[in-house]
Structure formats: C-alpha cells, structure tokens
PDB file of N, CA and C in Angstrom:
ATOM      1  N   MET A   1       1.089  -1.423   0.002  1.00  0.00           N
ATOM      2  CA  MET A   1      -0.141   0.174  -0.027  1.00  0.00           C
ATOM      3  C   MET A   1       0.770   1.420   0.276  1.00  0.00           C
ATOM      4  N   ARG A   2       0.689   2.466  -0.511  1.00  0.00           N
ATOM      5  CA  ARG A   2       0.936   3.449  -0.339  1.00  0.00           C
ATOM      6  C   ARG A   2       0.321   4.594  -0.753  1.00  0.00           C
ATOM      7  N   LEU A   3       1.108   5.980   0.112  1.00  0.00           N
ATOM      8  CA  LEU A   3      -0.035   6.913  -0.320  1.00  0.00           C
ATOM      9  C   LEU A   3      -0.118   7.699  -1.485  1.00  0.00           C
ATOM     10  N   ASP A   4      -1.754   7.490  -2.222  1.00  0.00           N
ATOM     11  CA  ASP A   4      -1.747   8.412  -3.251  1.00  0.00           C
ATOM     12  C   ASP A   4      -1.982  10.087  -3.164  1.00  0.00           C
ATOM     13  N   HIS A   5      -2.167  10.419  -2.708  1.00  0.00           N
ATOM     14  CA  HIS A   5      -2.323  12.174  -2.258  1.00  0.00           C
ATOM     15  C   HIS A   5      -3.289  12.266  -1.106  1.00  0.00           C
ATOM     16  N   VAL A   6      -3.020  13.245  -0.495  1.00  0.00           N
ATOM     17  CA  VAL A   6      -4.111  13.972   0.584  1.00  0.00           C
ATOM     18  C   VAL A   6      -4.910  15.146  -0.287  1.00  0.00           C
ATOM     19  N   GLN A   7      -5.800  15.319   0.437  1.00  0.00           N
ATOM     20  CA  GLN A   7      -6.919  16.369   0.006  1.00  0.00           C
ATOM     21  C   GLN A   7      -7.253  17.457   1.723  1.00  0.00           C
ATOM     22  N   VAL A   8      -6.331  18.150   0.896  1.00  0.00           N
ATOM     23  CA  VAL A   8      -6.662  19.947   2.082  1.00  0.00           C
ATOM     24  C   VAL A   8      -8.430  20.311   1.348  1.00  0.00           C
ATOM     25  N   SER A   9      -8.824  21.626   2.520  1.00  0.00           N
ATOM     26  CA  SER A   9     -10.185  22.151   1.877  1.00  0.00           C
ATOM     27  C   SER A   9      -9.896  23.566   1.249  1.00  0.00           C
ATOM     28  N   CYS A  10     -10.694  24.459   0.702  1.00  0.00           N
ATOM     29  CA  CYS A  10     -10.624  25.812   0.521  1.00  0.00           C
ATOM     30  C   CYS A  10     -11.776  26.332   0.598  1.00  0.00           C
ATOM     31  N   PRO A  11     -12.186  27.667   0.766  1.00  0.00           N
ATOM     32  CA  PRO A  11     -13.417  27.672   0.613  1.00  0.00           C
ATOM     33  C   PRO A  11     -14.048  27.899  -1.275  1.00  0.00           C
ATOM     34  N   ALA A  12     -15.224  28.494  -1.865  1.00  0.00           N
ATOM     35  CA  ALA A  12     -15.139  28.760  -3.140  1.00  0.00           C
ATOM     36  C   ALA A  12     -14.483  29.649  -3.662  1.00  0.00           C
ATOM     37  N   GLY A  13     -13.756  29.752  -4.348  1.00  0.00           N
ATOM     38  CA  GLY A  13     -12.550  31.150  -5.302  1.00  0.00           C
ATOM     39  C   GLY A  13     -11.625  30.824  -4.151  1.00  0.00           C
ATOM     40  N   GLY A  14     -11.392  29.992  -3.500  1.00  0.00           N
ATOM     41  CA  GLY A  14     -10.219  30.315  -3.091  1.00  0.00           C
ATOM     42  C   GLY A  14      -8.673  29.164  -3.344  1.00  0.00           C
ATOM     43  N   GLU A  15      -8.754  29.082  -5.267  1.00  0.00           N
ATOM     44  CA  GLU A  15      -7.451  28.649  -5.249  1.00  0.00           C
ATOM     45  C   GLU A  15      -6.450  29.396  -5.230  1.00  0.00           C
ATOM     46  N   GLU A  16      -6.734  30.946  -5.892  1.00  0.00           N
ATOM     47  CA  GLU A  16      -5.958  31.789  -5.642  1.00  0.00           C
ATOM     48  C   GLU A  16      -5.045  31.925  -4.393  1.00  0.00           C
ATOM     49  N   VAL A  17      -5.487  31.297  -3.426  1.00  0.00           N
ATOM     50  CA  VAL A  17      -4.993  31.469  -2.079  1.00  0.00           C
ATOM     51  C   VAL A  17      -4.184  30.279  -1.934  1.00  0.00           C
ATOM     52  N   ALA A  18      -4.490  29.146  -2.737  1.00  0.00           N
ATOM     53  CA  ALA A  18      -3.921  28.002  -3.090  1.00  0.00           C
ATOM     54  C   ALA A  18      -2.752  27.809  -3.199  1.00  0.00           C
ATOM     55  N   ARG A  19      -2.570  28.266  -4.190  1.00  0.00           N
ATOM     56  CA  ARG A  19      -1.537  28.341  -5.437  1.00  0.00           C
ATOM     57  C   ARG A  19      -0.233  29.392  -4.789  1.00  0.00           C
ATOM     58  N   ALA A  20      -1.012  30.848  -4.156  1.00  0.00           N
ATOM     59  CA  ALA A  20       0.459  31.196  -3.489  1.00  0.00           C
ATOM     60  C   ALA A  20       0.820  30.666  -2.438  1.00  0.00           C
ATOM     61  N   PHE A  21       0.534  29.526  -1.474  1.00  0.00           N
ATOM     62  CA  PHE A  21       0.812  28.406  -0.834  1.00  0.00           C
ATOM     63  C   PHE A  21       1.570  27.280  -1.527  1.00  0.00           C
ATOM     64  N   TYR A  22       1.513  26.574  -1.879  1.00  0.00           N
ATOM     65  CA  TYR A  22       1.401  25.350  -2.302  1.00  0.00           C
ATOM     66  C   TYR A  22       2.135  25.577  -4.055  1.00  0.00           C
ATOM     67  N   ARG A  23       1.520  26.276  -4.466  1.00  0.00           N
ATOM     68  CA  ARG A  23       3.212  26.433  -5.545  1.00  0.00           C
ATOM     69  C   ARG A  23       3.997  27.552  -5.774  1.00  0.00           C
ATOM     70  N   ASP A  24       3.312  28.505  -4.384  1.00  0.00           N
ATOM     71  CA  ASP A  24       4.792  29.670  -5.118  1.00  0.00           C
ATOM     72  C   ASP A  24       5.128  29.245  -3.730  1.00  0.00           C
ATOM     73  N   ALA A  25       5.179  29.305  -2.312  1.00  0.00           N
ATOM     74  CA  ALA A  25       5.824  29.307  -1.460  1.00  0.00           C
ATOM     75  C   ALA A  25       6.483  28.010  -1.151  1.00  0.00           C
ATOM     76  N   LEU A  26       5.392  26.868  -1.349  1.00  0.00           N
ATOM     77  CA  LEU A  26       6.055  25.248  -1.605  1.00  0.00           C
ATOM     78  C   LEU A  26       7.064  25.037  -2.305  1.00  0.00           C
ATOM     79  N   GLY A  27       6.441  25.714  -3.807  1.00  0.00           N
ATOM     80  CA  GLY A  27       7.293  25.414  -5.093  1.00  0.00           C
ATOM     81  C   GLY A  27       6.530  23.656  -5.592  1.00  0.00           C
ATOM     82  N   MET A  28       5.576  23.538  -5.352  1.00  0.00           N
ATOM     83  CA  MET A  28       4.881  22.459  -5.982  1.00  0.00           C
ATOM     84  C   MET A  28       4.592  23.069  -7.361  1.00  0.00           C
ATOM     85  N   ALA A  29       4.517  22.028  -8.266  1.00  0.00           N
ATOM     86  CA  ALA A  29       4.214  22.271  -9.586  1.00  0.00           C
ATOM     87  C   ALA A  29       2.810  22.098  -9.752  1.00  0.00           C
ATOM     88  N   GLU A  30       2.017  22.913 -10.250  1.00  0.00           N
ATOM     89  CA  GLU A  30       0.274  22.485 -10.335  1.00  0.00           C
ATOM     90  C   GLU A  30      -0.083  21.302 -11.342  1.00  0.00           C
ATOM     91  N   LEU A  31      -0.633  20.484 -10.983  1.00  0.00           N
ATOM     92  CA  LEU A  31      -1.348  19.538 -12.000  1.00  0.00           C
ATOM     93  C   LEU A  31      -2.617  20.184 -12.902  1.00  0.00           C
ATOM     94  N   GLU A  32      -3.031  19.193 -13.983  1.00  0.00           N
ATOM     95  CA  GLU A  32      -3.929  19.858 -14.371  1.00  0.00           C
ATOM     96  C   GLU A  32      -5.107  19.210 -14.326  1.00  0.00           C
ATOM     97  N   LYS A  33      -6.322  19.640 -13.435  1.00  0.00           N
ATOM     98  CA  LYS A  33      -6.908  18.278 -13.207  1.00  0.00           C
ATOM     99  C   LYS A  33      -8.086  17.993 -14.903  1.00  0.00           C
ATOM    100  N   PRO A  34      -8.738  16.767 -14.243  1.00  0.00           N
ATOM    101  CA  PRO A  34      -9.545  15.809 -15.257  1.00  0.00           C
ATOM    102  C   PRO A  34     -10.432  16.932 -15.467  1.00  0.00           C
ATOM    103  N   PRO A  35     -10.988  16.966 -16.577  1.00  0.00           N
ATOM    104  CA  PRO A  35     -12.372  18.215 -16.851  1.00  0.00           C
ATOM    105  C   PRO A  35     -13.645  18.002 -16.040  1.00  0.00           C
ATOM    106  N   LEU A  36     -14.078  16.472 -15.709  1.00  0.00           N
ATOM    107  CA  LEU A  36     -15.265  16.666 -14.931  1.00  0.00           C
ATOM    108  C   LEU A  36     -15.020  17.552 -13.615  1.00  0.00           C
ATOM    109  N   LEU A  37     -13.343  16.725 -13.058  1.00  0.00           N
ATOM    110  CA  LEU A  37     -13.122  17.231 -11.868  1.00  0.00           C
ATOM    111  C   LEU A  37     -12.308  18.973 -11.948  1.00  0.00           C
ATOM    112  N   ALA A  38     -12.692  19.436 -12.775  1.00  0.00           N
ATOM    113  CA  ALA A  38     -11.757  20.978 -12.749  1.00  0.00           C
ATOM    114  C   ALA A  38     -13.060  22.044 -12.679  1.00  0.00           C
ATOM    115  N   ALA A  39     -14.226  21.611 -13.104  1.00  0.00           N
ATOM    116  CA  ALA A  39     -15.578  22.249 -13.079  1.00  0.00           C
ATOM    117  C   ALA A  39     -16.202  22.314 -11.851  1.00  0.00           C
ATOM    118  N   ARG A  40     -15.243  21.488 -11.024  1.00  0.00           N
ATOM    119  CA  ARG A  40     -16.093  21.484  -9.160  1.00  0.00           C
ATOM    120  C   ARG A  40     -14.994  22.416  -9.042  1.00  0.00           C
ATOM    121  N   GLY A  41     -13.826  22.989  -9.003  1.00  0.00           N
ATOM    122  CA  GLY A  41     -13.081  24.109  -8.798  1.00  0.00           C
ATOM    123  C   GLY A  41     -12.392  23.222  -7.776  1.00  0.00           C
ATOM    124  N   GLY A  42     -11.171  23.962  -7.124  1.00  0.00           N
ATOM    125  CA  GLY A  42      -9.877  23.434  -6.547  1.00  0.00           C
ATOM    126  C   GLY A  42      -9.234  23.681  -7.467  1.00  0.00           C
ATOM    127  N   CYS A  43      -7.477  22.907  -6.778  1.00  0.00           N
ATOM    128  CA  CYS A  43      -6.045  22.733  -8.208  1.00  0.00           C
ATOM    129  C   CYS A  43      -5.668  21.990  -7.094  1.00  0.00           C
ATOM    130  N   TRP A  44      -4.701  20.732  -7.537  1.00  0.00           N
ATOM    131  CA  TRP A  44      -3.834  20.040  -7.535  1.00  0.00           C
ATOM    132  C   TRP A  44      -2.474  20.349  -7.579  1.00  0.00           C
ATOM    133  N   PHE A  45      -1.768  19.786  -6.886  1.00  0.00           N
ATOM    134  CA  PHE A  45      -0.249  20.269  -7.220  1.00  0.00           C
ATOM    135  C   PHE A  45       0.950  18.823  -6.254  1.00  0.00           C
ATOM    136  N   LYS A  46       2.260  18.641  -7.265  1.00  0.00           N
ATOM    137  CA  LYS A  46       2.933  17.461  -7.008  1.00  0.00           C
ATOM    138  C   LYS A  46       3.921  17.876  -7.035  1.00  0.00           C
ATOM    139  N   ASP A  47       4.983  17.274  -5.912  1.00  0.00           N
ATOM    140  CA  ASP A  47       6.987  17.568  -5.996  1.00  0.00           C
ATOM    141  C   ASP A  47       7.096  16.078  -5.502  1.00  0.00           C
ATOM    142  N   GLY A  48       7.831  15.464  -6.596  1.00  0.00           N
ATOM    143  CA  GLY A  48       8.377  14.251  -6.186  1.00  0.00           C
ATOM    144  C   GLY A  48       7.353  13.542  -5.717  1.00  0.00           C
ATOM    145  N   THR A  49       7.212  12.656  -4.965  1.00  0.00           N
ATOM    146  CA  THR A  49       5.402  11.993  -4.412  1.00  0.00           C
ATOM    147  C   THR A  49       4.581  12.569  -4.128  1.00  0.00           C
ATOM    148  N   ALA A  50       5.294  13.943  -3.320  1.00  0.00           N
ATOM    149  CA  ALA A  50       3.996  14.102  -2.241  1.00  0.00           C
ATOM    150  C   ALA A  50       2.578  15.355  -3.472  1.00  0.00           C
ATOM    151  N   GLU A  51       1.605  14.437  -3.230  1.00  0.00           N
ATOM    152  CA  GLU A  51       0.317  14.972  -4.592  1.00  0.00           C
ATOM    153  C   GLU A  51      -0.655  15.510  -3.085  1.00  0.00           C
ATOM    154  N   VAL A  52      -0.905  17.018  -3.575  1.00  0.00           N
ATOM    155  CA  VAL A  52      -2.260  17.656  -2.450  1.00  0.00           C
ATOM    156  C   VAL A  52      -2.968  18.426  -3.453  1.00  0.00           C
ATOM    157  N   HIS A  53      -4.199  17.425  -3.041  1.00  0.00           N
ATOM    158  CA  HIS A  53      -5.455  17.959  -4.046  1.00  0.00           C
ATOM    159  C   HIS A  53      -5.938  19.315  -2.895  1.00  0.00           C
ATOM    160  N   VAL A  54      -6.521  20.448  -3.562  1.00  0.00           N
ATOM    161  CA  VAL A  54      -7.054  21.058  -2.686  1.00  0.00           C
ATOM    162  C   VAL A  54      -8.634  21.298  -3.295  1.00  0.00           C
ATOM    163  N   GLY A  55      -9.510  20.955  -2.508  1.00  0.00           N
ATOM    164  CA  GLY A  55     -11.111  21.035  -3.140  1.00  0.00           C
ATOM    165  C   GLY A  55     -11.572  21.849  -2.045  1.00  0.00           C
ATOM    166  N   VAL A  56     -12.619  22.284  -3.265  1.00  0.00           N
ATOM    167  CA  VAL A  56     -13.746  23.265  -2.547  1.00  0.00           C
ATOM    168  C   VAL A  56     -15.034  22.668  -1.961  1.00  0.00           C
ATOM    169  N   GLU A  57     -14.628  23.389  -0.654  1.00  0.00           N
ATOM    170  CA  GLU A  57     -15.952  22.889   0.440  1.00  0.00           C
ATOM    171  C   GLU A  57     -17.150  23.660   1.158  1.00  0.00           C
ATOM    172  N   ALA A  58     -18.503  23.457   0.232  1.00  0.00           N
ATOM    173  CA  ALA A  58     -19.134  24.604   0.840  1.00  0.00           C
ATOM    174  C   ALA A  58     -19.085  25.236   1.808  1.00  0.00           C
ATOM    175  N   ASP A  59     -19.284  24.541   3.033  1.00  0.00           N
ATOM    176  CA  ASP A  59     -19.097  25.105   4.389  1.00  0.00           C
ATOM    177  C   ASP A  59     -17.902  24.368   5.003  1.00  0.00           C
ATOM    178  N   PHE A  60     -17.092  25.548   4.141  1.00  0.00           N
ATOM    179  CA  PHE A  60     -15.284  25.325   5.112  1.00  0.00           C
ATOM    180  C   PHE A  60     -15.342  25.694   5.923  1.00  0.00           C
ATOM    181  N   ARG A  61     -13.894  24.711   6.676  1.00  0.00           N
ATOM    182  CA  ARG A  61     -13.846  25.282   8.150  1.00  0.00           C
ATOM    183  C   ARG A  61     -12.470  24.501   7.506  1.00  0.00           C
ATOM    184  N   PRO A  62     -10.884  25.432   8.508  1.00  0.00           N
ATOM    185  CA  PRO A  62     -10.191  24.609   8.151  1.00  0.00           C
ATOM    186  C   PRO A  62      -9.172  23.332   8.955  1.00  0.00           C
ATOM    187  N   ALA A  63      -8.904  22.823   8.030  1.00  0.00           N
ATOM    188  CA  ALA A  63      -8.162  21.738   9.480  1.00  0.00           C
ATOM    189  C   ALA A  63      -7.323  22.365  10.389  1.00  0.00           C
ATOM    190  N   GLU A  64      -7.540  21.991  11.718  1.00  0.00           N
ATOM    191  CA  GLU A  64      -6.447  22.448  12.737  1.00  0.00           C
ATOM    192  C   GLU A  64      -6.242  21.539  13.639  1.00  0.00           C
ATOM    193  N   LYS A  65      -6.084  20.557  13.146  1.00  0.00           N
ATOM    194  CA  LYS A  65      -5.226  18.807  13.550  1.00  0.00           C
ATOM    195  C   LYS A  65      -5.183  18.405  12.790  1.00  0.00           C
ATOM    196  N   ALA A  66      -6.066  17.470  11.721  1.00  0.00           N
ATOM    197  CA  ALA A  66      -5.711  16.623  10.885  1.00  0.00           C
ATOM    198  C   ALA A  66      -4.908  17.838   9.736  1.00  0.00           C
ATOM    199  N   HIS A  67      -4.071  16.918   9.372  1.00  0.00           N
ATOM    200  CA  HIS A  67      -3.094  17.307   8.477  1.00  0.00           C
ATOM    201  C   HIS A  67      -2.240  16.672   7.682  1.00  0.00           C
ATOM    202  N   PRO A  68      -1.240  17.143   6.629  1.00  0.00           N
ATOM    203  CA  PRO A  68      -0.625  16.014   6.555  1.00  0.00           C
ATOM    204  C   PRO A  68       0.752  17.013   6.107  1.00  0.00           C
ATOM    205  N   ALA A  69       1.485  15.641   6.098  1.00  0.00           N
ATOM    206  CA  ALA A  69       3.441  16.458   6.671  1.00  0.00           C
ATOM    207  C   ALA A  69       3.849  15.643   5.585  1.00  0.00           C
ATOM    208  N   LEU A  70       4.657  17.154   4.876  1.00  0.00           N
ATOM    209  CA  LEU A  70       5.545  17.200   3.859  1.00  0.00           C
ATOM    210  C   LEU A  70       6.900  17.081   3.924  1.00  0.00           C
ATOM    211  N   ALA A  71       7.721  16.368   3.305  1.00  0.00           N
ATOM    212  CA  ALA A  71       9.375  15.719   3.818  1.00  0.00           C
ATOM    213  C   ALA A  71       9.938  16.831   2.924  1.00  0.00           C
ATOM    214  N   VAL A  72      11.095  17.626   3.038  1.00  0.00           N
ATOM    215  CA  VAL A  72      11.817  18.358   2.606  1.00  0.00           C
ATOM    216  C   VAL A  72      13.151  18.293   2.583  1.00  0.00           C
ATOM    217  N   ASP A  73      14.056  18.719   1.635  1.00  0.00           N
ATOM    218  CA  ASP A  73      15.687  18.539   1.599  1.00  0.00           C
ATOM    219  C   ASP A  73      15.875  19.489   2.607  1.00  0.00           C
ATOM    220  N   ASP A  74      15.435  20.289   2.716  1.00  0.00           N
ATOM    221  CA  ASP A  74      16.106  21.916   3.191  1.00  0.00           C
ATOM    222  C   ASP A  74      14.924  22.373   4.401  1.00  0.00           C
ATOM    223  N   LEU A  75      15.022  21.969   5.509  1.00  0.00           N
ATOM    224  CA  LEU A  75      13.611  21.956   6.494  1.00  0.00           C
ATOM    225  C   LEU A  75      14.341  23.681   6.810  1.00  0.00           C
ATOM    226  N   ASP A  76      15.128  24.386   7.332  1.00  0.00           N
ATOM    227  CA  ASP A  76      15.445  25.279   7.486  1.00  0.00           C
ATOM    228  C   ASP A  76      15.142  26.716   6.689  1.00  0.00           C
ATOM    229  N   GLY A  77      15.726  26.471   5.354  1.00  0.00           N
ATOM    230  CA  GLY A  77      15.793  26.977   4.099  1.00  0.00           C
ATOM    231  C   GLY A  77      14.189  27.141   4.284  1.00  0.00           C
ATOM    232  N   LEU A  78      13.399  26.105   4.070  1.00  0.00           N
ATOM    233  CA  LEU A  78      11.556  26.384   4.036  1.00  0.00           C
ATOM    234  C   LEU A  78      11.228  26.896   5.083  1.00  0.00           C
ATOM    235  N   ALA A  79      11.478  26.994   6.310  1.00  0.00           N
ATOM    236  CA  ALA A  79      10.800  28.170   7.311  1.00  0.00           C
ATOM    237  C   ALA A  79      11.061  28.890   7.383  1.00  0.00           C
ATOM    238  N   GLU A  80      12.430  29.477   6.903  1.00  0.00           N
ATOM    239  CA  GLU A  80      12.749  31.064   6.321  1.00  0.00           C
ATOM    240  C   GLU A  80      12.065  31.595   5.453  1.00  0.00           C
ATOM    241  N   LYS A  81      11.782  30.778   4.507  1.00  0.00           N
ATOM    242  CA  LYS A  81      11.083  31.271   3.299  1.00  0.00           C
ATOM    243  C   LYS A  81       9.669  31.533   3.546  1.00  0.00           C
ATOM    244  N   LEU A  82       9.439  30.713   4.441  1.00  0.00           N
ATOM    245  CA  LEU A  82       7.466  30.703   4.619  1.00  0.00           C
ATOM    246  C   LEU A  82       7.411  31.881   5.855  1.00  0.00           C
ATOM    247  N   THR A  83       8.600  31.903   6.272  1.00  0.00           N
ATOM    248  CA  THR A  83       8.266  32.845   7.258  1.00  0.00           C
ATOM    249  C   THR A  83       8.392  34.368   6.882  1.00  0.00           C
ATOM    250  N   GLY A  84       9.768  34.623   6.067  1.00  0.00           N
ATOM    251  CA  GLY A  84       9.529  35.975   5.093  1.00  0.00           C
ATOM    252  C   GLY A  84       8.262  35.992   4.034  1.00  0.00           C
ATOM    253  N   LEU A  85       7.555  35.178   3.986  1.00  0.00           N
ATOM    254  CA  LEU A  85       6.255  35.419   3.264  1.00  0.00           C
ATOM    255  C   LEU A  85       4.821  35.680   4.219  1.00  0.00           C
ATOM    256  N   GLY A  86       5.372  35.792   5.709  1.00  0.00           N
ATOM    257  CA  GLY A  86       4.107  35.722   6.089  1.00  0.00           C
ATOM    258  C   GLY A  86       3.658  34.732   7.102  1.00  0.00           C
ATOM    259  N   TYR A  87       3.805  33.236   6.373  1.00  0.00           N
ATOM    260  CA  TYR A  87       2.916  32.409   6.715  1.00  0.00           C
ATOM    261  C   TYR A  87       3.573  31.523   8.199  1.00  0.00           C
ATOM    262  N   PRO A  88       2.884  30.949   9.471  1.00  0.00           N
ATOM    263  CA  PRO A  88       3.376  31.119  10.717  1.00  0.00           C
ATOM    264  C   PRO A  88       4.553  30.092  10.912  1.00  0.00           C
ATOM    265  N   VAL A  89       5.228  29.689  11.295  1.00  0.00           N
ATOM    266  CA  VAL A  89       5.851  28.658  11.703  1.00  0.00           C
ATOM    267  C   VAL A  89       6.316  28.562  13.122  1.00  0.00           C
ATOM    268  N   LYS A  90       6.193  27.432  13.103  1.00  0.00           N
ATOM    269  CA  LYS A  90       6.004  26.825  14.705  1.00  0.00           C
ATOM    270  C   LYS A  90       7.083  25.632  15.350  1.00  0.00           C
ATOM    271  N   TRP A  91       7.967  25.590  15.013  1.00  0.00           N
ATOM    272  CA  TRP A  91       8.625  24.416  15.863  1.00  0.00           C
ATOM    273  C   TRP A  91       8.660  23.826  16.748  1.00  0.00           C
ATOM    274  N   ASP A  92       8.539  22.461  16.438  1.00  0.00           N
ATOM    275  CA  ASP A  92       8.435  21.116  17.437  1.00  0.00           C
ATOM    276  C   ASP A  92       9.029  19.699  17.291  1.00  0.00           C
ATOM    277  N   ASN A  93      10.927  20.148  17.929  1.00  0.00           N
ATOM    278  CA  ASN A  93      11.786  19.542  18.069  1.00  0.00           C
ATOM    279  C   ASN A  93      11.790  18.145  18.905  1.00  0.00           C
ATOM    280  N   GLU A  94      10.865  18.336  19.943  1.00  0.00           N
ATOM    281  CA  GLU A  94      10.512  18.159  21.310  1.00  0.00           C
ATOM    282  C   GLU A  94      10.154  16.717  21.256  1.00  0.00           C
ATOM    283  N   THR A  95       8.828  16.938  20.355  1.00  0.00           N
ATOM    284  CA  THR A  95       7.545  15.778  20.570  1.00  0.00           C
ATOM    285  C   THR A  95       7.704  14.003  20.184  1.00  0.00           C
ATOM    286  N   ILE A  96       8.810  14.457  18.969  1.00  0.00           N
ATOM    287  CA  ILE A  96       9.120  13.237  18.524  1.00  0.00           C
ATOM    288  C   ILE A  96      10.547  13.215  18.400  1.00  0.00           C
ATOM    289  N   PRO A  97      11.262  12.453  19.305  1.00  0.00           N
ATOM    290  CA  PRO A  97      12.754  12.258  19.588  1.00  0.00           C
ATOM    291  C   PRO A  97      13.474  12.159  18.056  1.00  0.00           C
ATOM    292  N   GLY A  98      14.633  12.723  17.812  1.00  0.00           N
ATOM    293  CA  GLY A  98      14.884  12.587  16.548  1.00  0.00           C
ATOM    294  C   GLY A  98      14.563  13.250  15.234  1.00  0.00           C
ATOM    295  N   ARG A  99      13.025  13.790  15.636  1.00  0.00           N
ATOM    296  CA  ARG A  99      12.634  14.324  14.469  1.00  0.00           C
ATOM    297  C   ARG A  99      12.520  16.069  13.889  1.00  0.00           C
ATOM    298  N   ARG A 100      13.136  16.506  13.169  1.00  0.00           N
ATOM    299  CA  ARG A 100      12.897  18.085  13.391  1.00  0.00           C
ATOM    300  C   ARG A 100      11.787  18.428  12.834  1.00  0.00           C
ATOM    301  N   ARG A 101      10.741  19.013  12.995  1.00  0.00           N
ATOM    302  CA  ARG A 101       9.482  19.504  12.189  1.00  0.00           C
ATOM    303  C   ARG A 101       8.892  20.617  12.364  1.00  0.00           C
ATOM    304  N   PHE A 102       8.724  21.589  12.092  1.00  0.00           N
ATOM    305  CA  PHE A 102       7.716  22.731  12.176  1.00  0.00           C
ATOM    306  C   PHE A 102       5.680  22.626  11.456  1.00  0.00           C
ATOM    307  N   HIS A 103       5.112  22.748  12.226  1.00  0.00           N
ATOM    308  CA  HIS A 103       4.334  23.114  11.772  1.00  0.00           C
ATOM    309  C   HIS A 103       3.753  23.962  10.550  1.00  0.00           C
ATOM    310  N   THR A 104       3.373  24.637  10.120  1.00  0.00           N
ATOM    311  CA  THR A 104       2.727  25.857   9.216  1.00  0.00           C
ATOM    312  C   THR A 104       0.994  25.941   9.135  1.00  0.00           C
ATOM    313  N   ALA A 105       0.526  27.331   8.102  1.00  0.00           N
ATOM    314  CA  ALA A 105      -0.727  26.757   7.935  1.00  0.00           C
ATOM    315  C   ALA A 105      -0.599  27.508   6.558  1.00  0.00           C
ATOM    316  N   ASP A 106      -1.795  26.847   5.659  1.00  0.00           N
ATOM    317  CA  ASP A 106      -1.887  27.331   4.163  1.00  0.00           C
ATOM    318  C   ASP A 106      -2.089  28.940   4.105  1.00  0.00           C
ATOM    319  N   GLY A 107      -3.295  28.973   3.227  1.00  0.00           N
ATOM    320  CA  GLY A 107      -3.614  30.518   3.469  1.00  0.00           C
ATOM    321  C   GLY A 107      -4.924  30.867   3.693  1.00  0.00           C
ATOM    322  N   HIS A 108      -5.424  29.200   3.882  1.00  0.00           N
ATOM    323  CA  HIS A 108      -6.678  29.322   4.233  1.00  0.00           C
ATOM    324  C   HIS A 108      -6.599  28.845   5.430  1.00  0.00           C
ATOM    325  N   GLY A 109      -5.633  28.505   6.547  1.00  0.00           N
ATOM    326  CA  GLY A 109      -5.974  28.432   7.898  1.00  0.00           C
ATOM    327  C   GLY A 109      -5.360  26.491   8.434  1.00  0.00           C
ATOM    328  N   ASN A 110      -5.338  25.670   7.145  1.00  0.00           N
ATOM    329  CA  ASN A 110      -5.184  24.514   7.317  1.00  0.00           C
ATOM    330  C   ASN A 110      -3.854  24.253   7.594  1.00  0.00           C
ATOM    331  N   ARG A 111      -3.855  23.290   8.710  1.00  0.00           N
ATOM    332  CA  ARG A 111      -2.465  22.775   9.248  1.00  0.00           C
ATOM    333  C   ARG A 111      -1.860  22.207   8.688  1.00  0.00           C
ATOM    334  N   ILE A 112      -0.274  22.273   8.488  1.00  0.00           N
ATOM    335  CA  ILE A 112       0.364  21.275   7.596  1.00  0.00           C
ATOM    336  C   ILE A 112       1.757  21.568   8.202  1.00  0.00           C
ATOM    337  N   GLU A 113       2.363  19.609   8.151  1.00  0.00           N
ATOM    338  CA  GLU A 113       3.510  19.596   9.000  1.00  0.00           C
ATOM    339  C   GLU A 113       4.697  19.726   7.635  1.00  0.00           C
ATOM    340  N   ILE A 114       5.695  19.666   8.573  1.00  0.00           N
ATOM    341  CA  ILE A 114       6.724  20.137   7.300  1.00  0.00           C
ATOM    342  C   ILE A 114       8.357  18.942   8.032  1.00  0.00           C
ATOM    343  N   VAL A 115       8.533  18.517   7.943  1.00  0.00           N
ATOM    344  CA  VAL A 115       9.289  17.349   8.401  1.00  0.00           C
ATOM    345  C   VAL A 115      10.578  17.135   7.239  1.00  0.00           C
TER     346      VAL A 115
END
C-alpha cells in the first residue's frame, strides 16, 4: 500500500490563495485536473511523490488538527522562506525524539506539518 495523495479544503473561490501557498511558497507544480473534476473548482499540486489536492468545500472550515506532513530536503530554508512570506512557522523538535519538524498553515488556515 502507498499513499496516493492527500486532500485539504478551501472555500469557493480560494484557488489563488491555495496557489500562493502550495505552488509559490512550497514550490510544488500545479497539475491539470481532469475536466469533470476541474468543473468543481479547486487545484492539484505535486512535488516528487507528494501530491496535494485542494478541493472546494461549501461549508469550509480549516483543518486545525488533521494535516498532511510533507518531507523536504532543506527544512531550515523552507522555514525561513515561509516566515518571510508571512506564513506561521511553529517548531516542534521535542515531541518526537530525533525528528526535526515545524507546523505551518496554508493561506486558508489548514495545518501543514513539514519534516
């Protein structure tokens, strides 16, 4: 078994805010959605084997507990970049021994872990 993708939500019309985070801040490539799914709104992103689908949810509420965890090669560099762009960076290097990580939030407030 392997994980194919994770989905987070955004409000209607929230695609540009999602692009600013996943494409511009994280550097993920935007994928073209299949036509039937594109009609529903949202956007998809991929980098390496990590794929994030951002779907429109009518009664949107940001996920503040549930979250994807994305592994990157330059943890400190990404933390610095996100901070410079105004995204929150909360380090947590004590909870899991031997694992450096931080939590941030996309532009809609969804929790994202970076390891």
